[in-house]
PDB file of all heavy atoms in Angstrom:
ATOM      1  N   ALA A   1       0.838  -1.209   0.000  1.00  0.00           N
ATOM      2  CA  ALA A   1       0.000   0.000   0.000  1.00  0.00           C
ATOM      3  C   ALA A   1       0.863   1.245   0.000  1.00  0.00           C
ATOM      4  O   ALA A   1       0.577   2.227  -0.698  1.00  0.00           O
ATOM      5  CB  ALA A   1      -0.922  -0.009   1.219  1.00  0.00           C
ATOM      6  N   LEU A   2       1.947   1.230   0.774  1.00  0.00           N
ATOM      7  CA  LEU A   2       2.868   2.369   0.817  1.00  0.00           C
ATOM      8  C   LEU A   2       3.507   2.592  -0.546  1.00  0.00           C
ATOM      9  O   LEU A   2       3.595   3.728  -1.042  1.00  0.00           O
ATOM     10  CB  LEU A   2       3.938   2.105   1.884  1.00  0.00           C
ATOM     11  CG  LEU A   2       4.975   3.199   2.122  1.00  0.00           C
ATOM     12  CD1 LEU A   2       4.334   4.454   2.680  1.00  0.00           C
ATOM     13  CD2 LEU A   2       6.071   2.696   3.076  1.00  0.00           C
ATOM     14  N   TRP A   3       3.941   1.508  -1.182  1.00  0.00           N
ATOM     15  CA  TRP A   3       4.591   1.573  -2.490  1.00  0.00           C
ATOM     16  C   TRP A   3       3.622   2.094  -3.561  1.00  0.00           C
ATOM     17  O   TRP A   3       3.974   2.976  -4.353  1.00  0.00           O
ATOM     18  CB  TRP A   3       5.106   0.190  -2.856  1.00  0.00           C
ATOM     19  CG  TRP A   3       5.818   0.095  -4.159  1.00  0.00           C
ATOM     20  CD1 TRP A   3       5.269  -0.187  -5.375  1.00  0.00           C
ATOM     21  CD2 TRP A   3       7.217   0.287  -4.388  1.00  0.00           C
ATOM     22  NE1 TRP A   3       6.227  -0.197  -6.349  1.00  0.00           N
ATOM     23  CE2 TRP A   3       7.432   0.094  -5.782  1.00  0.00           C
ATOM     24  CE3 TRP A   3       8.293   0.588  -3.574  1.00  0.00           C
ATOM     25  CZ2 TRP A   3       8.702   0.193  -6.350  1.00  0.00           C
ATOM     26  CZ3 TRP A   3       9.562   0.697  -4.145  1.00  0.00           C
ATOM     27  CH2 TRP A   3       9.754   0.503  -5.508  1.00  0.00           C
ATOM     28  N   GLU A   4       2.406   1.549  -3.572  1.00  0.00           N
ATOM     29  CA  GLU A   4       1.435   1.918  -4.599  1.00  0.00           C
ATOM     30  C   GLU A   4       1.003   3.378  -4.497  1.00  0.00           C
ATOM     31  O   GLU A   4       0.668   4.005  -5.506  1.00  0.00           O
ATOM     32  CB  GLU A   4       0.209   1.000  -4.501  1.00  0.00           C
ATOM     33  CG  GLU A   4       0.503  -0.432  -4.944  1.00  0.00           C
ATOM     34  CD  GLU A   4      -0.559  -1.416  -4.486  1.00  0.00           C
ATOM     35  OE1 GLU A   4      -1.588  -0.949  -3.935  1.00  0.00           O
ATOM     36  OE2 GLU A   4      -0.366  -2.631  -4.671  1.00  0.00           O
ATOM     37  N   LYS A   5       1.001   3.918  -3.278  1.00  0.00           N
ATOM     38  CA  LYS A   5       0.622   5.319  -3.072  1.00  0.00           C
ATOM     39  C   LYS A   5       1.815   6.267  -3.180  1.00  0.00           C
ATOM     40  O   LYS A   5       1.664   7.474  -2.964  1.00  0.00           O
ATOM     41  CB  LYS A   5      -0.020   5.499  -1.691  1.00  0.00           C
ATOM     42  CG  LYS A   5      -1.331   4.726  -1.493  1.00  0.00           C
ATOM     43  CD  LYS A   5      -2.465   5.345  -2.285  1.00  0.00           C
ATOM     44  CE  LYS A   5      -3.794   4.669  -1.954  1.00  0.00           C
ATOM     45  NZ  LYS A   5      -4.908   5.239  -2.724  1.00  0.00           N
ATOM     46  N   SER A   6       2.998   5.714  -3.498  1.00  0.00           N
ATOM     47  CA  SER A   6       4.234   6.512  -3.543  1.00  0.00           C
ATOM     48  C   SER A   6       4.462   7.234  -2.216  1.00  0.00           C
ATOM     49  O   SER A   6       4.879   8.389  -2.182  1.00  0.00           O
ATOM     50  CB  SER A   6       4.193   7.521  -4.698  1.00  0.00           C
ATOM     51  OG  SER A   6       4.070   6.868  -5.937  1.00  0.00           O
ATOM     52  N   GLY A   7       4.155   6.527  -1.133  1.00  0.00           N
ATOM     53  CA  GLY A   7       4.340   7.102   0.201  1.00  0.00           C
ATOM     54  C   GLY A   7       5.772   6.990   0.669  1.00  0.00           C
ATOM     55  O   GLY A   7       6.600   6.292   0.073  1.00  0.00           O
ATOM     56  N   SER A   8       6.058   7.653   1.773  1.00  0.00           N
ATOM     57  CA  SER A   8       7.425   7.665   2.296  1.00  0.00           C
ATOM     58  C   SER A   8       7.579   6.859   3.569  1.00  0.00           C
ATOM     59  O   SER A   8       8.658   6.319   3.835  1.00  0.00           O
ATOM     60  CB  SER A   8       7.875   9.116   2.557  1.00  0.00           C
ATOM     61  OG  SER A   8       7.000   9.752   3.486  1.00  0.00           O
ATOM     62  N   ASP A   9       6.530   6.773   4.397  1.00  0.00           N
ATOM     63  CA  ASP A   9       6.670   6.174   5.721  1.00  0.00           C
ATOM     64  C   ASP A   9       5.461   5.316   6.065  1.00  0.00           C
ATOM     65  O   ASP A   9       4.338   5.582   5.608  1.00  0.00           O
ATOM     66  CB  ASP A   9       6.804   7.262   6.798  1.00  0.00           C
ATOM     67  CG  ASP A   9       7.995   8.160   6.578  1.00  0.00           C
ATOM     68  OD1 ASP A   9       7.875   9.141   5.813  1.00  0.00           O
ATOM     69  OD2 ASP A   9       9.050   7.889   7.163  1.00  0.00           O
ATOM     70  N   LEU A  10       5.701   4.314   6.907  1.00  0.00           N
ATOM     71  CA  LEU A  10       4.657   3.469   7.469  1.00  0.00           C
ATOM     72  C   LEU A  10       4.805   3.491   8.983  1.00  0.00           C
ATOM     73  O   LEU A  10       5.910   3.300   9.499  1.00  0.00           O
ATOM     74  CB  LEU A  10       4.781   2.034   6.954  1.00  0.00           C
ATOM     75  CG  LEU A  10       3.918   0.957   7.641  1.00  0.00           C
ATOM     76  CD1 LEU A  10       2.437   1.207   7.394  1.00  0.00           C
ATOM     77  CD2 LEU A  10       4.333  -0.437   7.149  1.00  0.00           C
ATOM     78  N   LEU A  11       3.714   3.760   9.686  1.00  0.00           N
ATOM     79  CA  LEU A  11       3.732   3.825  11.146  1.00  0.00           C
ATOM     80  C   LEU A  11       2.767   2.805  11.726  1.00  0.00           C
ATOM     81  O   LEU A  11       1.579   2.795  11.381  1.00  0.00           O
ATOM     82  CB  LEU A  11       3.348   5.225  11.628  1.00  0.00           C
ATOM     83  CG  LEU A  11       3.266   5.420  13.149  1.00  0.00           C
ATOM     84  CD1 LEU A  11       4.642   5.245  13.788  1.00  0.00           C
ATOM     85  CD2 LEU A  11       2.685   6.788  13.489  1.00  0.00           C
ATOM     86  N   LEU A  12       3.279   1.951  12.604  1.00  0.00           N
ATOM     87  CA  LEU A  12       2.461   0.985  13.327  1.00  0.00           C
ATOM     88  C   LEU A  12       2.472   1.364  14.800  1.00  0.00           C
ATOM     89  O   LEU A  12       3.532   1.396  15.435  1.00  0.00           O
ATOM     90  CB  LEU A  12       3.008  -0.437  13.161  1.00  0.00           C
ATOM     91  CG  LEU A  12       3.256  -0.940  11.737  1.00  0.00           C
ATOM     92  CD1 LEU A  12       3.724  -2.386  11.761  1.00  0.00           C
ATOM     93  CD2 LEU A  12       2.001  -0.790  10.881  1.00  0.00           C
ATOM     94  N   SER A  13       1.283   1.658  15.335  1.00  0.00           N
ATOM     95  CA  SER A  13       1.172   2.077  16.732  1.00  0.00           C
ATOM     96  C   SER A  13      -0.100   1.485  17.321  1.00  0.00           C
ATOM     97  O   SER A  13      -1.155   1.477  16.665  1.00  0.00           O
ATOM     98  CB  SER A  13       1.146   3.606  16.832  1.00  0.00           C
ATOM     99  OG  SER A  13       1.151   4.038  18.163  1.00  0.00           O
ATOM    100  N   ALA A  14      -0.006   0.972  18.531  1.00  0.00           N
ATOM    101  CA  ALA A  14      -1.154   0.327  19.160  1.00  0.00           C
ATOM    102  C   ALA A  14      -2.301   1.321  19.341  1.00  0.00           C
ATOM    103  O   ALA A  14      -2.091   2.484  19.679  1.00  0.00           O
ATOM    104  CB  ALA A  14      -0.747  -0.257  20.515  1.00  0.00           C
ATOM    105  N   GLY A  15      -3.519   0.853  19.093  1.00  0.00           N
ATOM    106  CA  GLY A  15      -4.696   1.683  19.295  1.00  0.00           C
ATOM    107  C   GLY A  15      -5.148   2.443  18.070  1.00  0.00           C
ATOM    108  O   GLY A  15      -6.125   3.197  18.120  1.00  0.00           O
ATOM    109  N   THR A  16      -4.474   2.254  16.937  1.00  0.00           N
ATOM    110  CA  THR A  16      -4.895   2.906  15.696  1.00  0.00           C
ATOM    111  C   THR A  16      -4.553   2.009  14.517  1.00  0.00           C
ATOM    112  O   THR A  16      -3.758   1.066  14.641  1.00  0.00           O
ATOM    113  CB  THR A  16      -4.222   4.284  15.537  1.00  0.00           C
ATOM    114  OG1 THR A  16      -4.776   4.968  14.401  1.00  0.00           O
ATOM    115  CG2 THR A  16      -2.721   4.150  15.341  1.00  0.00           C
ATOM    116  N   GLU A  17      -5.154   2.304  13.369  1.00  0.00           N
ATOM    117  CA  GLU A  17      -4.851   1.543  12.166  1.00  0.00           C
ATOM    118  C   GLU A  17      -3.417   1.841  11.706  1.00  0.00           C
ATOM    119  O   GLU A  17      -2.865   2.885  12.036  1.00  0.00           O
ATOM    120  CB  GLU A  17      -5.811   1.914  11.024  1.00  0.00           C
ATOM    121  CG  GLU A  17      -7.281   1.782  11.369  1.00  0.00           C
ATOM    122  CD  GLU A  17      -7.869   3.092  11.828  1.00  0.00           C
ATOM    123  OE1 GLU A  17      -7.119   3.924  12.413  1.00  0.00           O
ATOM    124  OE2 GLU A  17      -9.083   3.286  11.611  1.00  0.00           O
ATOM    125  N   PRO A  18      -2.805   0.944  10.922  1.00  0.00           N
ATOM    126  CA  PRO A  18      -1.529   1.274  10.281  1.00  0.00           C
ATOM    127  C   PRO A  18      -1.693   2.542   9.436  1.00  0.00           C
ATOM    128  O   PRO A  18      -2.723   2.706   8.760  1.00  0.00           O
ATOM    129  CB  PRO A  18      -1.245   0.055   9.401  1.00  0.00           C
ATOM    130  CG  PRO A  18      -2.059  -1.044   9.991  1.00  0.00           C
ATOM    131  CD  PRO A  18      -3.285  -0.402  10.559  1.00  0.00           C
ATOM    132  N   ARG A  19      -0.739   3.424   9.501  1.00  0.00           N
ATOM    133  CA  ARG A  19      -0.830   4.686   8.768  1.00  0.00           C
ATOM    134  C   ARG A  19       0.366   4.848   7.848  1.00  0.00           C
ATOM    135  O   ARG A  19       1.493   4.483   8.203  1.00  0.00           O
ATOM    136  CB  ARG A  19      -0.909   5.871   9.739  1.00  0.00           C
ATOM    137  CG  ARG A  19      -2.192   5.883  10.572  1.00  0.00           C
ATOM    138  CD  ARG A  19      -2.149   6.952  11.652  1.00  0.00           C
ATOM    139  NE  ARG A  19      -3.342   6.898  12.500  1.00  0.00           N
ATOM    140  CZ  ARG A  19      -4.339   7.772  12.435  1.00  0.00           C
ATOM    141  NH1 ARG A  19      -4.297   8.769  11.583  1.00  0.00           N
ATOM    142  NH2 ARG A  19      -5.381   7.646  13.253  1.00  0.00           N
ATOM    143  N   ILE A  20       0.114   5.410   6.669  1.00  0.00           N
ATOM    144  CA  ILE A  20       1.186   5.704   5.725  1.00  0.00           C
ATOM    145  C   ILE A  20       1.244   7.207   5.494  1.00  0.00           C
ATOM    146  O   ILE A  20       0.235   7.909   5.585  1.00  0.00           O
ATOM    147  CB  ILE A  20       0.996   4.958   4.384  1.00  0.00           C
ATOM    148  CG1 ILE A  20      -0.366   5.294   3.747  1.00  0.00           C
ATOM    149  CG2 ILE A  20       1.162   3.467   4.571  1.00  0.00           C
ATOM    150  CD1 ILE A  20      -0.562   4.669   2.366  1.00  0.00           C
ATOM    151  N   ARG A  21       2.455   7.692   5.222  1.00  0.00           N
ATOM    152  CA  ARG A  21       2.638   9.117   4.945  1.00  0.00           C
ATOM    153  C   ARG A  21       2.724   9.307   3.435  1.00  0.00           C
ATOM    154  O   ARG A  21       3.642   8.787   2.784  1.00  0.00           O
ATOM    155  CB  ARG A  21       3.902   9.645   5.617  1.00  0.00           C
ATOM    156  CG  ARG A  21       4.056  11.167   5.517  1.00  0.00           C
ATOM    157  CD  ARG A  21       5.296  11.668   6.250  1.00  0.00           C
ATOM    158  NE  ARG A  21       5.234  11.380   7.675  1.00  0.00           N
ATOM    159  CZ  ARG A  21       4.590  12.118   8.567  1.00  0.00           C
ATOM    160  NH1 ARG A  21       3.905  13.189   8.149  1.00  0.00           N
ATOM    161  NH2 ARG A  21       4.610  11.806   9.839  1.00  0.00           N
ATOM    162  N   VAL A  22       1.777  10.044   2.895  1.00  0.00           N
ATOM    163  CA  VAL A  22       1.723  10.328   1.465  1.00  0.00           C
ATOM    164  C   VAL A  22       1.671  11.840   1.284  1.00  0.00           C
ATOM    165  O   VAL A  22       0.808  12.506   1.868  1.00  0.00           O
ATOM    166  CB  VAL A  22       0.490   9.661   0.808  1.00  0.00           C
ATOM    167  CG1 VAL A  22       0.444   9.984  -0.685  1.00  0.00           C
ATOM    168  CG2 VAL A  22       0.510   8.156   1.026  1.00  0.00           C
ATOM    169  N   ASP A  23       2.597  12.387   0.507  1.00  0.00           N
ATOM    170  CA  ASP A  23       2.682  13.834   0.293  1.00  0.00           C
ATOM    171  C   ASP A  23       2.734  14.590   1.624  1.00  0.00           C
ATOM    172  O   ASP A  23       2.136  15.651   1.794  1.00  0.00           O
ATOM    173  CB  ASP A  23       1.507  14.338  -0.550  1.00  0.00           C
ATOM    174  CG  ASP A  23       1.504  13.754  -1.953  1.00  0.00           C
ATOM    175  OD1 ASP A  23       2.541  13.186  -2.351  1.00  0.00           O
ATOM    176  OD2 ASP A  23       0.469  13.845  -2.632  1.00  0.00           O
ATOM    177  N   GLY A  24       3.442  14.013   2.581  1.00  0.00           N
ATOM    178  CA  GLY A  24       3.661  14.684   3.847  1.00  0.00           C
ATOM    179  C   GLY A  24       2.586  14.465   4.893  1.00  0.00           C
ATOM    180  O   GLY A  24       2.769  14.846   6.052  1.00  0.00           O
ATOM    181  N   ALA A  25       1.440  13.864   4.537  1.00  0.00           N
ATOM    182  CA  ALA A  25       0.331  13.691   5.480  1.00  0.00           C
ATOM    183  C   ALA A  25       0.125  12.210   5.802  1.00  0.00           C
ATOM    184  O   ALA A  25       0.159  11.356   4.912  1.00  0.00           O
ATOM    185  CB  ALA A  25      -0.952  14.276   4.898  1.00  0.00           C
ATOM    186  N   LEU A  26      -0.099  11.922   7.099  1.00  0.00           N
ATOM    187  CA  LEU A  26      -0.379  10.552   7.524  1.00  0.00           C
ATOM    188  C   LEU A  26      -1.848  10.221   7.286  1.00  0.00           C
ATOM    189  O   LEU A  26      -2.728  11.031   7.574  1.00  0.00           O
ATOM    190  CB  LEU A  26      -0.062  10.383   9.015  1.00  0.00           C
ATOM    191  CG  LEU A  26       1.367  10.030   9.411  1.00  0.00           C
ATOM    192  CD1 LEU A  26       1.480   9.986  10.923  1.00  0.00           C
ATOM    193  CD2 LEU A  26       1.818   8.718   8.808  1.00  0.00           C
ATOM    194  N   ARG A  27      -2.089   9.007   6.786  1.00  0.00           N
ATOM    195  CA  ARG A  27      -3.464   8.569   6.573  1.00  0.00           C
ATOM    196  C   ARG A  27      -3.552   7.068   6.847  1.00  0.00           C
ATOM    197  O   ARG A  27      -2.589   6.327   6.602  1.00  0.00           O
ATOM    198  CB  ARG A  27      -3.905   8.873   5.146  1.00  0.00           C
ATOM    199  CG  ARG A  27      -3.074   8.171   4.075  1.00  0.00           C
ATOM    200  CD  ARG A  27      -3.472   8.552   2.665  1.00  0.00           C
ATOM    201  NE  ARG A  27      -3.170   9.935   2.377  1.00  0.00           N
ATOM    202  CZ  ARG A  27      -3.294  10.474   1.157  1.00  0.00           C
ATOM    203  NH1 ARG A  27      -3.721   9.723   0.151  1.00  0.00           N
ATOM    204  NH2 ARG A  27      -2.999  11.733   0.946  1.00  0.00           N
ATOM    205  N   PRO A  28      -4.685   6.587   7.365  1.00  0.00           N
ATOM    206  CA  PRO A  28      -4.839   5.144   7.608  1.00  0.00           C
ATOM    207  C   PRO A  28      -4.783   4.368   6.296  1.00  0.00           C
ATOM    208  O   PRO A  28      -5.217   4.848   5.247  1.00  0.00           O
ATOM    209  CB  PRO A  28      -6.218   5.038   8.253  1.00  0.00           C
ATOM    210  CG  PRO A  28      -6.521   6.405   8.785  1.00  0.00           C
ATOM    211  CD  PRO A  28      -5.855   7.356   7.834  1.00  0.00           C
ATOM    212  N   VAL A  29      -4.260   3.162   6.370  1.00  0.00           N
ATOM    213  CA  VAL A  29      -4.254   2.273   5.210  1.00  0.00           C
ATOM    214  C   VAL A  29      -5.671   1.724   5.011  1.00  0.00           C
ATOM    215  O   VAL A  29      -6.288   1.221   5.952  1.00  0.00           O
ATOM    216  CB  VAL A  29      -3.261   1.109   5.404  1.00  0.00           C
ATOM    217  CG1 VAL A  29      -3.298   0.160   4.207  1.00  0.00           C
ATOM    218  CG2 VAL A  29      -1.847   1.643   5.611  1.00  0.00           C
ATOM    219  N   ASP A  30      -6.192   1.858   3.810  1.00  0.00           N
ATOM    220  CA  ASP A  30      -7.552   1.417   3.525  1.00  0.00           C
ATOM    221  C   ASP A  30      -7.745  -0.059   3.882  1.00  0.00           C
ATOM    222  O   ASP A  30      -6.889  -0.908   3.576  1.00  0.00           O
ATOM    223  CB  ASP A  30      -7.877   1.608   2.036  1.00  0.00           C
ATOM    224  CG  ASP A  30      -7.927   3.080   1.645  1.00  0.00           C
ATOM    225  OD1 ASP A  30      -8.098   3.913   2.546  1.00  0.00           O
ATOM    226  OD2 ASP A  30      -7.789   3.377   0.436  1.00  0.00           O
ATOM    227  N   GLY A  31      -8.859  -0.361   4.525  1.00  0.00           N
ATOM    228  CA  GLY A  31      -9.219  -1.739   4.801  1.00  0.00           C
ATOM    229  C   GLY A  31      -8.513  -2.378   5.976  1.00  0.00           C
ATOM    230  O   GLY A  31      -8.642  -3.594   6.181  1.00  0.00           O
ATOM    231  N   THR A  32      -7.781  -1.588   6.762  1.00  0.00           N
ATOM    232  CA  THR A  32      -7.069  -2.155   7.913  1.00  0.00           C
ATOM    233  C   THR A  32      -7.826  -1.886   9.206  1.00  0.00           C
ATOM    234  O   THR A  32      -8.678  -0.999   9.272  1.00  0.00           O
ATOM    235  CB  THR A  32      -5.650  -1.586   8.024  1.00  0.00           C
ATOM    236  OG1 THR A  32      -5.725  -0.149   8.136  1.00  0.00           O
ATOM    237  CG2 THR A  32      -4.821  -1.957   6.806  1.00  0.00           C
ATOM    238  N   GLU A  33      -7.483  -2.637  10.231  1.00  0.00           N
ATOM    239  CA  GLU A  33      -8.119  -2.501  11.536  1.00  0.00           C
ATOM    240  C   GLU A  33      -7.130  -1.945  12.551  1.00  0.00           C
ATOM    241  O   GLU A  33      -5.921  -1.941  12.324  1.00  0.00           O
ATOM    242  CB  GLU A  33      -8.641  -3.871  12.005  1.00  0.00           C
ATOM    243  CG  GLU A  33      -9.693  -4.468  11.081  1.00  0.00           C
ATOM    244  CD  GLU A  33     -10.165  -5.828  11.579  1.00  0.00           C
ATOM    245  OE1 GLU A  33      -9.586  -6.337  12.565  1.00  0.00           O
ATOM    246  OE2 GLU A  33     -11.113  -6.369  10.977  1.00  0.00           O
ATOM    247  N   VAL A  34      -7.678  -1.492  13.674  1.00  0.00           N
ATOM    248  CA  VAL A  34      -6.849  -0.997  14.764  1.00  0.00           C
ATOM    249  C   VAL A  34      -5.899  -2.105  15.227  1.00  0.00           C
ATOM    250  O   VAL A  34      -6.301  -3.260  15.390  1.00  0.00           O
ATOM    251  CB  VAL A  34      -7.736  -0.531  15.939  1.00  0.00           C
ATOM    252  CG1 VAL A  34      -6.898  -0.237  17.175  1.00  0.00           C
ATOM    253  CG2 VAL A  34      -8.531   0.701  15.528  1.00  0.00           C
ATOM    254  N   MET A  35      -4.616  -1.746  15.409  1.00  0.00           N
ATOM    255  CA  MET A  35      -3.617  -2.734  15.783  1.00  0.00           C
ATOM    256  C   MET A  35      -3.483  -2.835  17.298  1.00  0.00           C
ATOM    257  O   MET A  35      -3.685  -1.856  18.031  1.00  0.00           O
ATOM    258  CB  MET A  35      -2.257  -2.378  15.169  1.00  0.00           C
ATOM    259  CG  MET A  35      -2.233  -2.378  13.656  1.00  0.00           C
ATOM    260  SD  MET A  35      -0.548  -2.468  12.992  1.00  0.00           S
ATOM    261  CE  MET A  35      -0.163  -4.209  13.301  1.00  0.00           C
ATOM    262  N   LYS A  36      -3.132  -4.025  17.756  1.00  0.00           N
ATOM    263  CA  LYS A  36      -2.859  -4.254  19.161  1.00  0.00           C
ATOM    264  C   LYS A  36      -1.351  -4.279  19.395  1.00  0.00           C
ATOM    265  O   LYS A  36      -0.575  -4.606  18.500  1.00  0.00           O
ATOM    266  CB  LYS A  36      -3.482  -5.576  19.604  1.00  0.00           C
ATOM    267  CG  LYS A  36      -4.993  -5.618  19.478  1.00  0.00           C
ATOM    268  CD  LYS A  36      -5.538  -6.981  19.887  1.00  0.00           C
ATOM    269  CE  LYS A  36      -7.060  -7.030  19.740  1.00  0.00           C
ATOM    270  NZ  LYS A  36      -7.600  -8.369  20.103  1.00  0.00           N
ATOM    271  N   GLY A  37      -0.965  -3.942  20.612  1.00  0.00           N
ATOM    272  CA  GLY A  37       0.453  -3.884  20.926  1.00  0.00           C
ATOM    273  C   GLY A  37       1.177  -5.193  20.716  1.00  0.00           C
ATOM    274  O   GLY A  37       2.317  -5.212  20.222  1.00  0.00           O
TER     275      GLY A  37
END
């Protein structure tokens, strides 16, 4: 998903969906669920 969106970063943090940084802004990865620690 990060590659296809030409994103720069992937962040995994408990209590939220995986997020990717695209054009400087973080956004949840489509179709993902909140991650557990």
